[in-house]
């Protein structure tokens, strides 16, 4: 999964894939509708590989958070809607990342993470493996 080519652009819905650089910025393609847009260098853009979630002890890269959601959901989309209530979102996120910092990670951040996860999962961006329990063979 190459999150260094996936962008979140302020005031634009969804995520974008970096296509190429241009004179005044770059060209990006929406993962939602495949439309290409020109993004100026002055736009507020975040590269997903550089986004992290605050925990009580450290910052966890978003790729790790996506991996934990992927494992919890057995590779499926989230079992909770990103539009769920604040309490439901927080409870779900707590089950994924039990030590996330509730004072610095807001419900709006959780909505974004879940929306991004679902969008990336729909487009098969994840190369995570679902961990299956290893059964020990009994000695006879």
N, C-alpha and C. Protein backbone atom coordinates (compact mmCIF):
# COMPACT_ATOMS: atom_id res chain seq x y z
N UNK A 1 0.85 -1.16 0.00
CA UNK A 1 0.00 0.00 0.00
C UNK A 1 0.90 1.24 0.00
N UNK A 2 0.74 2.06 -0.98
CA UNK A 2 1.54 3.27 -1.10
C UNK A 2 0.73 4.50 -0.67
N UNK A 3 0.75 4.79 0.61
CA UNK A 3 0.01 5.95 1.10
C UNK A 3 0.72 7.25 0.78
N UNK A 4 1.96 7.18 0.31
CA UNK A 4 2.69 8.41 -0.01
C UNK A 4 2.22 9.03 -1.33
N UNK A 5 1.33 8.36 -2.04
CA UNK A 5 0.75 8.91 -3.27
C UNK A 5 -0.75 9.19 -3.11
N UNK A 6 -1.26 9.02 -1.88
CA UNK A 6 -2.67 9.27 -1.58
C UNK A 6 -2.76 10.57 -0.79
N UNK A 7 -3.62 11.47 -1.25
CA UNK A 7 -3.72 12.81 -0.69
C UNK A 7 -5.10 13.11 -0.13
N UNK A 8 -5.13 13.87 0.94
CA UNK A 8 -6.36 14.46 1.45
C UNK A 8 -6.21 15.96 1.17
N UNK A 9 -7.16 16.50 0.41
CA UNK A 9 -7.10 17.91 0.02
C UNK A 9 -8.18 18.67 0.77
N UNK A 10 -7.76 19.71 1.47
CA UNK A 10 -8.69 20.51 2.26
C UNK A 10 -9.81 21.05 1.38
N UNK A 11 -11.03 20.97 1.89
CA UNK A 11 -12.25 21.46 1.24
C UNK A 11 -12.64 20.63 0.02
N UNK A 12 -12.07 19.43 -0.12
CA UNK A 12 -12.44 18.50 -1.19
C UNK A 12 -12.82 17.17 -0.54
N UNK A 13 -13.93 16.57 -0.97
CA UNK A 13 -14.35 15.30 -0.36
C UNK A 13 -13.47 14.14 -0.81
N UNK A 14 -13.37 13.13 0.04
CA UNK A 14 -12.67 11.91 -0.33
C UNK A 14 -11.17 12.03 -0.35
N UNK A 15 -10.56 11.12 -1.07
CA UNK A 15 -9.11 11.06 -1.21
C UNK A 15 -8.73 11.15 -2.67
N UNK A 16 -7.49 11.51 -2.92
CA UNK A 16 -6.99 11.69 -4.28
C UNK A 16 -5.68 10.95 -4.46
N UNK A 17 -5.47 10.46 -5.66
CA UNK A 17 -4.21 9.81 -6.00
C UNK A 17 -3.37 10.81 -6.78
N UNK A 18 -2.13 10.99 -6.37
CA UNK A 18 -1.21 11.89 -7.06
C UNK A 18 -0.89 11.29 -8.43
N UNK A 19 -1.13 12.06 -9.49
CA UNK A 19 -0.86 11.60 -10.84
C UNK A 19 0.48 12.13 -11.33
N UNK A 20 0.64 13.46 -11.32
CA UNK A 20 1.89 14.06 -11.78
C UNK A 20 1.99 15.49 -11.27
N UNK A 21 3.19 16.03 -11.34
CA UNK A 21 3.39 17.43 -10.97
C UNK A 21 3.15 18.31 -12.19
N UNK A 22 2.70 19.53 -11.92
CA UNK A 22 2.52 20.51 -12.99
C UNK A 22 3.30 21.77 -12.62
N UNK A 23 3.22 22.79 -13.45
CA UNK A 23 3.98 24.02 -13.18
C UNK A 23 3.62 24.66 -11.85
N UNK A 24 2.32 24.77 -11.57
CA UNK A 24 1.90 25.48 -10.37
C UNK A 24 1.39 24.58 -9.27
N UNK A 25 1.65 23.30 -9.34
CA UNK A 25 1.17 22.37 -8.32
C UNK A 25 1.24 20.94 -8.80
N UNK A 26 0.08 20.28 -8.88
CA UNK A 26 0.06 18.90 -9.35
C UNK A 26 -1.34 18.52 -9.82
N UNK A 27 -1.40 17.37 -10.48
CA UNK A 27 -2.66 16.81 -10.95
C UNK A 27 -2.98 15.63 -10.05
N UNK A 28 -4.23 15.57 -9.59
CA UNK A 28 -4.66 14.48 -8.72
C UNK A 28 -5.96 13.89 -9.27
N UNK A 29 -6.16 12.60 -9.01
CA UNK A 29 -7.36 11.91 -9.46
C UNK A 29 -8.17 11.47 -8.24
N UNK A 30 -9.45 11.82 -8.25
CA UNK A 30 -10.34 11.46 -7.15
C UNK A 30 -10.55 9.95 -7.11
N UNK A 31 -10.48 9.38 -5.91
CA UNK A 31 -10.80 7.97 -5.76
C UNK A 31 -12.31 7.75 -5.78
N UNK A 32 -13.08 8.82 -5.57
CA UNK A 32 -14.54 8.71 -5.57
C UNK A 32 -15.11 8.59 -6.97
N UNK A 33 -14.68 9.49 -7.87
CA UNK A 33 -15.30 9.52 -9.20
C UNK A 33 -14.30 9.50 -10.36
N UNK A 34 -13.02 9.33 -10.05
CA UNK A 34 -11.96 9.25 -11.07
C UNK A 34 -11.72 10.55 -11.84
N UNK A 35 -12.34 11.64 -11.43
CA UNK A 35 -12.12 12.92 -12.11
C UNK A 35 -10.76 13.47 -11.69
N UNK A 36 -10.08 14.06 -12.66
CA UNK A 36 -8.77 14.66 -12.38
C UNK A 36 -8.95 16.15 -12.14
N UNK A 37 -8.18 16.64 -11.18
CA UNK A 37 -8.21 18.07 -10.87
C UNK A 37 -6.79 18.59 -10.80
N UNK A 38 -6.67 19.88 -11.03
CA UNK A 38 -5.40 20.56 -10.87
C UNK A 38 -5.41 21.19 -9.48
N UNK A 39 -4.37 20.93 -8.72
CA UNK A 39 -4.29 21.44 -7.36
C UNK A 39 -3.12 22.40 -7.27
N UNK A 40 -3.41 23.61 -6.82
CA UNK A 40 -2.35 24.61 -6.72
C UNK A 40 -1.42 24.29 -5.56
N UNK A 41 -0.20 24.76 -5.68
CA UNK A 41 0.81 24.49 -4.65
C UNK A 41 0.45 25.17 -3.33
N UNK A 42 -0.44 26.17 -3.37
CA UNK A 42 -0.84 26.86 -2.15
C UNK A 42 -2.00 26.18 -1.43
N UNK A 43 -2.55 25.10 -2.01
CA UNK A 43 -3.64 24.37 -1.37
C UNK A 43 -3.15 23.62 -0.14
N UNK A 44 -4.05 23.42 0.78
CA UNK A 44 -3.73 22.68 2.00
C UNK A 44 -3.91 21.19 1.70
N UNK A 45 -2.80 20.48 1.55
CA UNK A 45 -2.81 19.07 1.15
C UNK A 45 -2.05 18.26 2.20
N UNK A 46 -2.62 17.10 2.55
CA UNK A 46 -1.94 16.18 3.47
C UNK A 46 -1.70 14.86 2.74
N UNK A 47 -0.50 14.34 2.88
CA UNK A 47 -0.16 13.03 2.33
C UNK A 47 -0.48 12.02 3.42
N UNK A 48 -1.25 10.99 3.09
CA UNK A 48 -1.69 10.04 4.10
C UNK A 48 -0.55 9.38 4.85
N UNK A 49 0.56 9.13 4.18
CA UNK A 49 1.69 8.47 4.85
C UNK A 49 2.28 9.31 5.98
N UNK A 50 1.96 10.60 6.01
CA UNK A 50 2.50 11.48 7.04
C UNK A 50 1.50 11.78 8.15
N UNK A 51 0.31 11.20 8.06
CA UNK A 51 -0.72 11.43 9.07
C UNK A 51 -0.60 10.38 10.16
N UNK A 52 -0.75 10.81 11.40
CA UNK A 52 -0.68 9.90 12.54
C UNK A 52 -1.82 10.22 13.51
N UNK A 53 -2.13 9.25 14.34
CA UNK A 53 -3.18 9.40 15.35
C UNK A 53 -2.51 9.46 16.72
N UNK A 54 -2.93 10.43 17.53
CA UNK A 54 -2.37 10.58 18.87
C UNK A 54 -2.87 9.46 19.79
N UNK A 55 -1.93 8.89 20.52
CA UNK A 55 -2.30 7.99 21.62
C UNK A 55 -1.75 8.63 22.89
N UNK A 56 -1.99 7.99 24.01
CA UNK A 56 -1.53 8.55 25.27
C UNK A 56 -0.01 8.51 25.40
N UNK A 57 0.65 7.64 24.61
CA UNK A 57 2.10 7.52 24.73
C UNK A 57 2.88 7.95 23.49
N UNK A 58 2.26 7.89 22.30
CA UNK A 58 2.99 8.21 21.08
C UNK A 58 2.00 8.53 19.96
N UNK A 59 2.54 8.80 18.78
CA UNK A 59 1.71 8.97 17.60
C UNK A 59 1.81 7.70 16.76
N UNK A 60 0.65 7.16 16.38
CA UNK A 60 0.60 5.93 15.60
C UNK A 60 0.34 6.29 14.14
N UNK A 61 1.19 5.83 13.21
CA UNK A 61 0.96 6.12 11.79
C UNK A 61 -0.42 5.61 11.34
N UNK A 62 -1.04 6.35 10.46
CA UNK A 62 -2.39 5.97 10.03
C UNK A 62 -2.41 4.61 9.36
N UNK A 63 -1.32 4.21 8.74
CA UNK A 63 -1.25 2.87 8.12
C UNK A 63 -1.45 1.80 9.19
N UNK A 64 -0.87 1.99 10.35
CA UNK A 64 -1.04 1.04 11.46
C UNK A 64 -2.48 1.01 11.93
N UNK A 65 -3.11 2.19 12.00
CA UNK A 65 -4.52 2.26 12.40
C UNK A 65 -5.38 1.53 11.37
N UNK A 66 -5.11 1.77 10.08
CA UNK A 66 -5.84 1.06 9.03
C UNK A 66 -5.67 -0.45 9.17
N UNK A 67 -4.47 -0.88 9.49
CA UNK A 67 -4.20 -2.31 9.67
C UNK A 67 -5.03 -2.89 10.81
N UNK A 68 -5.13 -2.15 11.90
CA UNK A 68 -5.91 -2.61 13.05
C UNK A 68 -7.41 -2.69 12.70
N UNK A 69 -7.90 -1.71 11.94
CA UNK A 69 -9.30 -1.75 11.50
C UNK A 69 -9.50 -2.94 10.57
N UNK A 70 -8.58 -3.15 9.64
CA UNK A 70 -8.64 -4.25 8.69
C UNK A 70 -8.73 -5.59 9.43
N UNK A 71 -7.90 -5.74 10.45
CA UNK A 71 -7.89 -6.96 11.24
C UNK A 71 -9.21 -7.13 12.01
N UNK A 72 -9.68 -6.05 12.63
CA UNK A 72 -10.95 -6.10 13.38
C UNK A 72 -12.11 -6.48 12.48
N UNK A 73 -12.11 -5.96 11.25
CA UNK A 73 -13.22 -6.17 10.33
C UNK A 73 -13.00 -7.36 9.39
N UNK A 74 -11.94 -8.13 9.62
CA UNK A 74 -11.61 -9.28 8.75
C UNK A 74 -11.54 -8.89 7.29
N UNK A 75 -10.98 -7.72 7.02
CA UNK A 75 -10.78 -7.28 5.64
C UNK A 75 -11.99 -6.63 5.01
N UNK A 76 -13.07 -6.50 5.75
CA UNK A 76 -14.29 -5.88 5.22
C UNK A 76 -14.35 -4.39 5.54
N UNK A 77 -15.39 -3.74 5.03
CA UNK A 77 -15.63 -2.34 5.38
C UNK A 77 -15.97 -2.25 6.86
N UNK A 78 -15.92 -1.05 7.40
CA UNK A 78 -16.20 -0.89 8.83
C UNK A 78 -17.63 -1.29 9.16
N UNK A 79 -17.80 -1.88 10.33
CA UNK A 79 -19.12 -2.32 10.76
C UNK A 79 -19.94 -1.16 11.31
N UNK A 80 -19.33 0.01 11.40
CA UNK A 80 -20.03 1.21 11.87
C UNK A 80 -19.94 2.26 10.77
N UNK A 81 -20.97 3.02 10.62
CA UNK A 81 -20.98 4.08 9.63
C UNK A 81 -20.15 5.26 10.11
N UNK A 82 -19.38 5.89 9.23
CA UNK A 82 -18.66 7.10 9.62
C UNK A 82 -19.61 8.23 10.06
N UNK A 83 -20.89 8.08 9.76
CA UNK A 83 -21.88 9.10 10.14
C UNK A 83 -22.59 8.75 11.44
N UNK A 84 -22.10 7.75 12.15
CA UNK A 84 -22.70 7.34 13.42
C UNK A 84 -22.53 8.45 14.46
N UNK A 85 -23.18 8.27 15.59
CA UNK A 85 -23.11 9.28 16.66
C UNK A 85 -21.69 9.37 17.22
N UNK A 86 -21.41 10.48 17.85
CA UNK A 86 -20.09 10.72 18.45
C UNK A 86 -19.74 9.60 19.42
N UNK A 87 -20.68 9.21 20.28
CA UNK A 87 -20.41 8.16 21.27
C UNK A 87 -20.12 6.82 20.61
N UNK A 88 -20.87 6.48 19.56
CA UNK A 88 -20.65 5.22 18.85
C UNK A 88 -19.29 5.22 18.14
N UNK A 89 -18.94 6.36 17.53
CA UNK A 89 -17.65 6.46 16.86
C UNK A 89 -16.50 6.29 17.86
N UNK A 90 -16.62 6.95 18.99
CA UNK A 90 -15.57 6.87 20.00
C UNK A 90 -15.45 5.45 20.56
N UNK A 91 -16.58 4.79 20.79
CA UNK A 91 -16.55 3.42 21.30
C UNK A 91 -15.89 2.48 20.28
N UNK A 92 -16.23 2.65 19.01
CA UNK A 92 -15.64 1.83 17.96
C UNK A 92 -14.13 2.07 17.89
N UNK A 93 -13.74 3.34 17.88
CA UNK A 93 -12.31 3.66 17.76
C UNK A 93 -11.54 3.15 18.97
N UNK A 94 -12.16 3.21 20.14
CA UNK A 94 -11.53 2.68 21.35
C UNK A 94 -11.29 1.18 21.21
N UNK A 95 -12.20 0.46 20.52
CA UNK A 95 -12.02 -0.98 20.33
C UNK A 95 -10.89 -1.28 19.35
N UNK A 96 -10.57 -0.30 18.49
CA UNK A 96 -9.49 -0.47 17.52
C UNK A 96 -8.16 -0.02 18.11
N UNK A 97 -8.18 1.10 18.78
CA UNK A 97 -6.96 1.72 19.32
C UNK A 97 -7.26 2.14 20.76
N UNK A 98 -7.08 1.22 21.68
CA UNK A 98 -7.56 1.41 23.05
C UNK A 98 -6.92 2.57 23.80
N UNK A 99 -5.75 3.02 23.36
CA UNK A 99 -5.10 4.11 24.09
C UNK A 99 -5.06 5.41 23.29
N UNK A 100 -6.01 5.57 22.34
CA UNK A 100 -6.00 6.83 21.59
C UNK A 100 -6.32 7.98 22.53
N UNK A 101 -5.78 9.14 22.25
CA UNK A 101 -5.92 10.31 23.11
C UNK A 101 -7.26 10.99 22.81
N UNK A 102 -8.22 10.78 23.69
CA UNK A 102 -9.57 11.32 23.49
C UNK A 102 -9.61 12.85 23.51
N UNK A 103 -8.59 13.47 24.11
CA UNK A 103 -8.55 14.93 24.16
C UNK A 103 -8.05 15.54 22.85
N UNK A 104 -7.28 14.78 22.08
CA UNK A 104 -6.71 15.34 20.85
C UNK A 104 -7.24 14.69 19.57
N UNK A 105 -7.96 13.58 19.70
CA UNK A 105 -8.58 12.93 18.54
C UNK A 105 -10.08 13.14 18.66
N UNK A 106 -10.60 13.94 17.76
CA UNK A 106 -12.01 14.33 17.81
C UNK A 106 -12.87 13.37 17.00
N UNK A 107 -14.19 13.43 17.22
CA UNK A 107 -15.13 12.60 16.46
C UNK A 107 -14.98 12.87 14.96
N UNK A 108 -14.71 14.11 14.58
CA UNK A 108 -14.54 14.44 13.16
C UNK A 108 -13.30 13.75 12.58
N UNK A 109 -12.26 13.57 13.40
CA UNK A 109 -11.07 12.85 12.96
C UNK A 109 -11.39 11.37 12.76
N UNK A 110 -12.16 10.81 13.68
CA UNK A 110 -12.54 9.40 13.58
C UNK A 110 -13.38 9.18 12.33
N UNK A 111 -14.31 10.11 12.04
CA UNK A 111 -15.13 10.01 10.83
C UNK A 111 -14.24 9.97 9.59
N UNK A 112 -13.24 10.85 9.54
CA UNK A 112 -12.33 10.87 8.40
C UNK A 112 -11.57 9.56 8.27
N UNK A 113 -11.04 9.07 9.36
CA UNK A 113 -10.25 7.82 9.33
C UNK A 113 -11.13 6.67 8.82
N UNK A 114 -12.35 6.56 9.33
CA UNK A 114 -13.24 5.48 8.91
C UNK A 114 -13.66 5.64 7.45
N UNK A 115 -13.93 6.86 7.04
CA UNK A 115 -14.28 7.11 5.63
C UNK A 115 -13.12 6.77 4.72
N UNK A 116 -11.93 7.21 5.09
CA UNK A 116 -10.74 6.93 4.30
C UNK A 116 -10.48 5.42 4.23
N UNK A 117 -10.61 4.76 5.38
CA UNK A 117 -10.41 3.30 5.40
C UNK A 117 -11.37 2.63 4.42
N UNK A 118 -12.65 2.98 4.49
CA UNK A 118 -13.64 2.35 3.61
C UNK A 118 -13.34 2.62 2.14
N UNK A 119 -12.97 3.85 1.82
CA UNK A 119 -12.66 4.21 0.44
C UNK A 119 -11.44 3.45 -0.06
N UNK A 120 -10.40 3.40 0.72
CA UNK A 120 -9.18 2.69 0.33
C UNK A 120 -9.44 1.18 0.23
N UNK A 121 -10.26 0.66 1.13
CA UNK A 121 -10.58 -0.76 1.10
C UNK A 121 -11.39 -1.11 -0.15
N UNK A 122 -12.34 -0.26 -0.50
CA UNK A 122 -13.14 -0.48 -1.71
C UNK A 122 -12.27 -0.51 -2.96
N UNK A 123 -11.20 0.27 -2.96
CA UNK A 123 -10.30 0.34 -4.11
C UNK A 123 -9.11 -0.60 -3.99
N UNK A 124 -9.19 -1.53 -3.04
CA UNK A 124 -8.17 -2.58 -2.87
C UNK A 124 -6.75 -2.03 -2.68
N UNK A 125 -6.64 -0.97 -1.88
CA UNK A 125 -5.32 -0.40 -1.61
C UNK A 125 -4.57 -1.15 -0.52
N UNK A 126 -5.29 -1.95 0.26
CA UNK A 126 -4.64 -2.61 1.38
C UNK A 126 -4.01 -3.93 0.97
N UNK A 127 -2.80 -4.14 1.46
CA UNK A 127 -2.13 -5.41 1.23
C UNK A 127 -1.92 -6.15 2.55
N UNK A 128 -2.77 -5.82 3.54
CA UNK A 128 -2.67 -6.47 4.83
C UNK A 128 -3.15 -7.91 4.71
N UNK A 129 -2.67 -8.73 5.60
CA UNK A 129 -3.12 -10.11 5.69
C UNK A 129 -3.94 -10.26 6.96
N UNK A 130 -5.01 -11.02 6.85
CA UNK A 130 -5.83 -11.29 8.03
C UNK A 130 -5.13 -12.36 8.84
N UNK A 131 -4.93 -12.08 10.11
CA UNK A 131 -4.24 -13.04 10.96
C UNK A 131 -5.22 -14.14 11.35
N UNK A 132 -4.83 -15.35 11.07
CA UNK A 132 -5.66 -16.48 11.47
C UNK A 132 -4.99 -17.19 12.62
N UNK A 133 -5.77 -17.66 13.56
CA UNK A 133 -5.16 -18.35 14.70
C UNK A 133 -4.47 -19.64 14.25
N UNK A 134 -3.32 -19.86 14.81
CA UNK A 134 -2.55 -21.06 14.48
C UNK A 134 -2.99 -22.16 15.44
N UNK A 135 -3.45 -23.24 14.89
CA UNK A 135 -3.85 -24.37 15.73
C UNK A 135 -2.64 -25.25 15.97
N UNK A 136 -2.41 -25.54 17.21
CA UNK A 136 -1.28 -26.39 17.55
C UNK A 136 -1.69 -27.84 17.37
N UNK A 137 -0.80 -28.60 16.80
CA UNK A 137 -1.07 -30.03 16.63
C UNK A 137 -0.79 -30.74 17.94
N UNK A 138 -1.69 -31.64 18.28
CA UNK A 138 -1.52 -32.40 19.52
C UNK A 138 -0.58 -33.57 19.26
N UNK A 139 0.30 -33.76 20.20
CA UNK A 139 1.20 -34.91 20.09
C UNK A 139 0.48 -36.14 20.61
N UNK A 140 0.65 -37.24 19.91
CA UNK A 140 -0.03 -38.46 20.36
C UNK A 140 0.93 -39.40 21.01
